[in-house]
Amino acid sequence: MLKQIAQGKKAKDIAKELYISTLTVNTHKRNILKKFHCKNISHLAAVCVKEGLI
């Protein structure tokens, strides 16, 4: 899911691909942002690229 978020996919599209609800995607997204101490998706993507996660 992290790669899909960094690619800029919408929660609705990620949910369809993973067969989960949009609410679940948004919850995971929020938890990932907290874990990496990021304020937004752009910052998260930059951190992930820097760390070699994506």
PDB file of N, CA and C in Angstrom:
ATOM      1  N   MET A   1       0.824  -1.182   0.000  1.00  0.00           N
ATOM      2  CA  MET A   1       0.000   0.000   0.000  1.00  0.00           C
ATOM      3  C   MET A   1       0.871   1.249   0.000  1.00  0.00           C
ATOM      4  N   LEU A   2       2.010   1.198   0.639  1.00  0.00           N
ATOM      5  CA  LEU A   2       2.895   2.359   0.707  1.00  0.00           C
ATOM      6  C   LEU A   2       3.315   2.819  -0.684  1.00  0.00           C
ATOM      7  N   LYS A   3       3.635   1.874  -1.546  1.00  0.00           N
ATOM      8  CA  LYS A   3       4.052   2.204  -2.907  1.00  0.00           C
ATOM      9  C   LYS A   3       2.895   2.869  -3.668  1.00  0.00           C
ATOM     10  N   GLN A   4       1.707   2.362  -3.481  1.00  0.00           N
ATOM     11  CA  GLN A   4       0.538   2.921  -4.153  1.00  0.00           C
ATOM     12  C   GLN A   4       0.235   4.330  -3.663  1.00  0.00           C
ATOM     13  N   ILE A   5       0.400   4.554  -2.372  1.00  0.00           N
ATOM     14  CA  ILE A   5       0.192   5.891  -1.814  1.00  0.00           C
ATOM     15  C   ILE A   5       1.204   6.856  -2.404  1.00  0.00           C
ATOM     16  N   ALA A   6       2.462   6.427  -2.445  1.00  0.00           N
ATOM     17  CA  ALA A   6       3.527   7.278  -2.979  1.00  0.00           C
ATOM     18  C   ALA A   6       3.336   7.563  -4.469  1.00  0.00           C
ATOM     19  N   GLN A   7       2.684   6.656  -5.177  1.00  0.00           N
ATOM     20  CA  GLN A   7       2.420   6.861  -6.595  1.00  0.00           C
ATOM     21  C   GLN A   7       1.279   7.851  -6.816  1.00  0.00           C
ATOM     22  N   GLY A   8       0.617   8.240  -5.741  1.00  0.00           N
ATOM     23  CA  GLY A   8      -0.454   9.221  -5.845  1.00  0.00           C
ATOM     24  C   GLY A   8      -1.820   8.628  -6.137  1.00  0.00           C
ATOM     25  N   LYS A   9      -1.958   7.326  -5.956  1.00  0.00           N
ATOM     26  CA  LYS A   9      -3.260   6.703  -6.200  1.00  0.00           C
ATOM     27  C   LYS A   9      -4.244   7.136  -5.128  1.00  0.00           C
ATOM     28  N   LYS A  10      -5.492   7.251  -5.525  1.00  0.00           N
ATOM     29  CA  LYS A  10      -6.549   7.641  -4.601  1.00  0.00           C
ATOM     30  C   LYS A  10      -6.948   6.447  -3.738  1.00  0.00           C
ATOM     31  N   ALA A  11      -7.460   6.759  -2.557  1.00  0.00           N
ATOM     32  CA  ALA A  11      -7.863   5.722  -1.605  1.00  0.00           C
ATOM     33  C   ALA A  11      -8.879   4.759  -2.233  1.00  0.00           C
ATOM     34  N   LYS A  12      -9.773   5.292  -3.033  1.00  0.00           N
ATOM     35  CA  LYS A  12     -10.800   4.467  -3.683  1.00  0.00           C
ATOM     36  C   LYS A  12     -10.159   3.427  -4.604  1.00  0.00           C
ATOM     37  N   ASP A  13      -9.143   3.847  -5.366  1.00  0.00           N
ATOM     38  CA  ASP A  13      -8.472   2.934  -6.291  1.00  0.00           C
ATOM     39  C   ASP A  13      -7.646   1.888  -5.549  1.00  0.00           C
ATOM     40  N   ILE A  14      -6.977   2.306  -4.488  1.00  0.00           N
ATOM     41  CA  ILE A  14      -6.193   1.366  -3.678  1.00  0.00           C
ATOM     42  C   ILE A  14      -7.120   0.331  -3.052  1.00  0.00           C
ATOM     43  N   ALA A  15      -8.254   0.787  -2.553  1.00  0.00           N
ATOM     44  CA  ALA A  15      -9.228  -0.112  -1.923  1.00  0.00           C
ATOM     45  C   ALA A  15      -9.711  -1.172  -2.908  1.00  0.00           C
ATOM     46  N   LYS A  16      -9.973  -0.764  -4.144  1.00  0.00           N
ATOM     47  CA  LYS A  16     -10.422  -1.726  -5.154  1.00  0.00           C
ATOM     48  C   LYS A  16      -9.342  -2.769  -5.448  1.00  0.00           C
ATOM     49  N   GLU A  17      -8.094  -2.312  -5.561  1.00  0.00           N
ATOM     50  CA  GLU A  17      -6.996  -3.227  -5.865  1.00  0.00           C
ATOM     51  C   GLU A  17      -6.762  -4.229  -4.743  1.00  0.00           C
ATOM     52  N   LEU A  18      -6.916  -3.794  -3.503  1.00  0.00           N
ATOM     53  CA  LEU A  18      -6.611  -4.647  -2.350  1.00  0.00           C
ATOM     54  C   LEU A  18      -7.843  -5.333  -1.758  1.00  0.00           C
ATOM     55  N   TYR A  19      -9.001  -5.067  -2.343  1.00  0.00           N
ATOM     56  CA  TYR A  19     -10.261  -5.645  -1.873  1.00  0.00           C
ATOM     57  C   TYR A  19     -10.532  -5.314  -0.405  1.00  0.00           C
ATOM     58  N   ILE A  20     -10.332  -4.040  -0.061  1.00  0.00           N
ATOM     59  CA  ILE A  20     -10.635  -3.546   1.270  1.00  0.00           C
ATOM     60  C   ILE A  20     -11.440  -2.263   1.124  1.00  0.00           C
ATOM     61  N   SER A  21     -11.963  -1.765   2.237  1.00  0.00           N
ATOM     62  CA  SER A  21     -12.784  -0.552   2.160  1.00  0.00           C
ATOM     63  C   SER A  21     -11.904   0.696   2.091  1.00  0.00           C
ATOM     64  N   THR A  22     -12.499   1.758   1.584  1.00  0.00           N
ATOM     65  CA  THR A  22     -11.810   3.043   1.505  1.00  0.00           C
ATOM     66  C   THR A  22     -11.455   3.537   2.906  1.00  0.00           C
ATOM     67  N   LEU A  23     -12.326   3.301   3.851  1.00  0.00           N
ATOM     68  CA  LEU A  23     -12.071   3.699   5.235  1.00  0.00           C
ATOM     69  C   LEU A  23     -10.823   2.995   5.780  1.00  0.00           C
ATOM     70  N   THR A  24     -10.659   1.729   5.451  1.00  0.00           N
ATOM     71  CA  THR A  24      -9.480   0.978   5.887  1.00  0.00           C
ATOM     72  C   THR A  24      -8.218   1.568   5.273  1.00  0.00           C
ATOM     73  N   VAL A  25      -8.277   1.925   4.007  1.00  0.00           N
ATOM     74  CA  VAL A  25      -7.124   2.544   3.341  1.00  0.00           C
ATOM     75  C   VAL A  25      -6.768   3.846   4.041  1.00  0.00           C
ATOM     76  N   ASN A  26      -7.760   4.670   4.324  1.00  0.00           N
ATOM     77  CA  ASN A  26      -7.507   5.953   4.981  1.00  0.00           C
ATOM     78  C   ASN A  26      -6.947   5.767   6.388  1.00  0.00           C
ATOM     79  N   THR A  27      -7.409   4.757   7.098  1.00  0.00           N
ATOM     80  CA  THR A  27      -6.885   4.469   8.431  1.00  0.00           C
ATOM     81  C   THR A  27      -5.425   4.046   8.353  1.00  0.00           C
ATOM     82  N   HIS A  28      -5.108   3.162   7.413  1.00  0.00           N
ATOM     83  CA  HIS A  28      -3.726   2.734   7.240  1.00  0.00           C
ATOM     84  C   HIS A  28      -2.835   3.906   6.838  1.00  0.00           C
ATOM     85  N   LYS A  29      -3.343   4.744   5.957  1.00  0.00           N
ATOM     86  CA  LYS A  29      -2.591   5.910   5.500  1.00  0.00           C
ATOM     87  C   LYS A  29      -2.268   6.827   6.687  1.00  0.00           C
ATOM     88  N   ARG A  30      -3.268   7.076   7.517  1.00  0.00           N
ATOM     89  CA  ARG A  30      -3.083   7.926   8.690  1.00  0.00           C
ATOM     90  C   ARG A  30      -2.049   7.309   9.646  1.00  0.00           C
ATOM     91  N   ASN A  31      -2.123   6.005   9.852  1.00  0.00           N
ATOM     92  CA  ASN A  31      -1.177   5.327  10.737  1.00  0.00           C
ATOM     93  C   ASN A  31       0.242   5.348  10.177  1.00  0.00           C
ATOM     94  N   ILE A  32       0.378   5.197   8.873  1.00  0.00           N
ATOM     95  CA  ILE A  32       1.701   5.252   8.236  1.00  0.00           C
ATOM     96  C   ILE A  32       2.299   6.649   8.401  1.00  0.00           C
ATOM     97  N   LEU A  33       1.491   7.680   8.198  1.00  0.00           N
ATOM     98  CA  LEU A  33       1.970   9.056   8.371  1.00  0.00           C
ATOM     99  C   LEU A  33       2.465   9.283   9.800  1.00  0.00           C
ATOM    100  N   LYS A  34       1.715   8.773  10.777  1.00  0.00           N
ATOM    101  CA  LYS A  34       2.125   8.906  12.176  1.00  0.00           C
ATOM    102  C   LYS A  34       3.441   8.189  12.436  1.00  0.00           C
ATOM    103  N   LYS A  35       3.541   6.982  11.948  1.00  0.00           N
ATOM    104  CA  LYS A  35       4.722   6.158  12.209  1.00  0.00           C
ATOM    105  C   LYS A  35       5.986   6.805  11.645  1.00  0.00           C
ATOM    106  N   PHE A  36       5.891   7.428  10.485  1.00  0.00           N
ATOM    107  CA  PHE A  36       7.046   8.049   9.856  1.00  0.00           C
ATOM    108  C   PHE A  36       7.195   9.523  10.238  1.00  0.00           C
ATOM    109  N   HIS A  37       6.324  10.019  11.115  1.00  0.00           N
ATOM    110  CA  HIS A  37       6.347  11.412  11.573  1.00  0.00           C
ATOM    111  C   HIS A  37       6.272  12.385  10.393  1.00  0.00           C
ATOM    112  N   CYS A  38       5.358  12.107   9.472  1.00  0.00           N
ATOM    113  CA  CYS A  38       5.163  12.952   8.294  1.00  0.00           C
ATOM    114  C   CYS A  38       3.829  13.676   8.403  1.00  0.00           C
ATOM    115  N   LYS A  39       3.789  14.886   7.858  1.00  0.00           N
ATOM    116  CA  LYS A  39       2.570  15.679   7.910  1.00  0.00           C
ATOM    117  C   LYS A  39       1.695  15.484   6.689  1.00  0.00           C
ATOM    118  N   ASN A  40       2.290  15.054   5.571  1.00  0.00           N
ATOM    119  CA  ASN A  40       1.499  14.858   4.359  1.00  0.00           C
ATOM    120  C   ASN A  40       2.138  13.772   3.493  1.00  0.00           C
ATOM    121  N   ILE A  41       1.450  13.421   2.433  1.00  0.00           N
ATOM    122  CA  ILE A  41       1.877  12.330   1.562  1.00  0.00           C
ATOM    123  C   ILE A  41       3.164  12.680   0.816  1.00  0.00           C
ATOM    124  N   SER A  42       3.326  13.932   0.440  1.00  0.00           N
ATOM    125  CA  SER A  42       4.545  14.340  -0.265  1.00  0.00           C
ATOM    126  C   SER A  42       5.774  14.118   0.605  1.00  0.00           C
ATOM    127  N   HIS A  43       5.673  14.508   1.851  1.00  0.00           N
ATOM    128  CA  HIS A  43       6.781  14.313   2.789  1.00  0.00           C
ATOM    129  C   HIS A  43       7.035  12.817   2.990  1.00  0.00           C
ATOM    130  N   LEU A  44       5.978  12.040   3.109  1.00  0.00           N
ATOM    131  CA  LEU A  44       6.106  10.594   3.267  1.00  0.00           C
ATOM    132  C   LEU A  44       6.832   9.976   2.077  1.00  0.00           C
ATOM    133  N   ALA A  45       6.453  10.367   0.883  1.00  0.00           N
ATOM    134  CA  ALA A  45       7.097   9.837  -0.327  1.00  0.00           C
ATOM    135  C   ALA A  45       8.588  10.167  -0.336  1.00  0.00           C
ATOM    136  N   ALA A  46       8.935  11.398   0.045  1.00  0.00           N
ATOM    137  CA  ALA A  46      10.334  11.812   0.086  1.00  0.00           C
ATOM    138  C   ALA A  46      11.123  10.982   1.101  1.00  0.00           C
ATOM    139  N   VAL A  47      10.552  10.757   2.256  1.00  0.00           N
ATOM    140  CA  VAL A  47      11.212   9.961   3.292  1.00  0.00           C
ATOM    141  C   VAL A  47      11.405   8.517   2.823  1.00  0.00           C
ATOM    142  N   CYS A  48      10.389   7.960   2.192  1.00  0.00           N
ATOM    143  CA  CYS A  48      10.464   6.570   1.723  1.00  0.00           C
ATOM    144  C   CYS A  48      11.512   6.396   0.632  1.00  0.00           C
ATOM    145  N   VAL A  49      11.610   7.342  -0.261  1.00  0.00           N
ATOM    146  CA  VAL A  49      12.622   7.280  -1.320  1.00  0.00           C
ATOM    147  C   VAL A  49      14.017   7.389  -0.695  1.00  0.00           C
ATOM    148  N   LYS A  50      14.166   8.313   0.242  1.00  0.00           N
ATOM    149  CA  LYS A  50      15.453   8.516   0.922  1.00  0.00           C
ATOM    150  C   LYS A  50      15.893   7.257   1.655  1.00  0.00           C
ATOM    151  N   GLU A  51      14.947   6.575   2.289  1.00  0.00           N
ATOM    152  CA  GLU A  51      15.241   5.366   3.062  1.00  0.00           C
ATOM    153  C   GLU A  51      15.300   4.111   2.185  1.00  0.00           C
ATOM    154  N   GLY A  52      14.962   4.244   0.915  1.00  0.00           N
ATOM    155  CA  GLY A  52      15.005   3.102   0.004  1.00  0.00           C
ATOM    156  C   GLY A  52      13.845   2.140   0.146  1.00  0.00           C
ATOM    157  N   LEU A  53      12.729   2.613   0.691  1.00  0.00           N
ATOM    158  CA  LEU A  53      11.566   1.758   0.872  1.00  0.00           C
ATOM    159  C   LEU A  53      10.750   1.582  -0.399  1.00  0.00           C
ATOM    160  N   ILE A  54      10.856   2.555  -1.294  1.00  0.00           N
ATOM    161  CA  ILE A  54      10.141   2.458  -2.569  1.00  0.00           C
ATOM    162  C   ILE A  54      11.059   2.857  -3.697  1.00  0.00           C
TER     163      ILE A  54
END
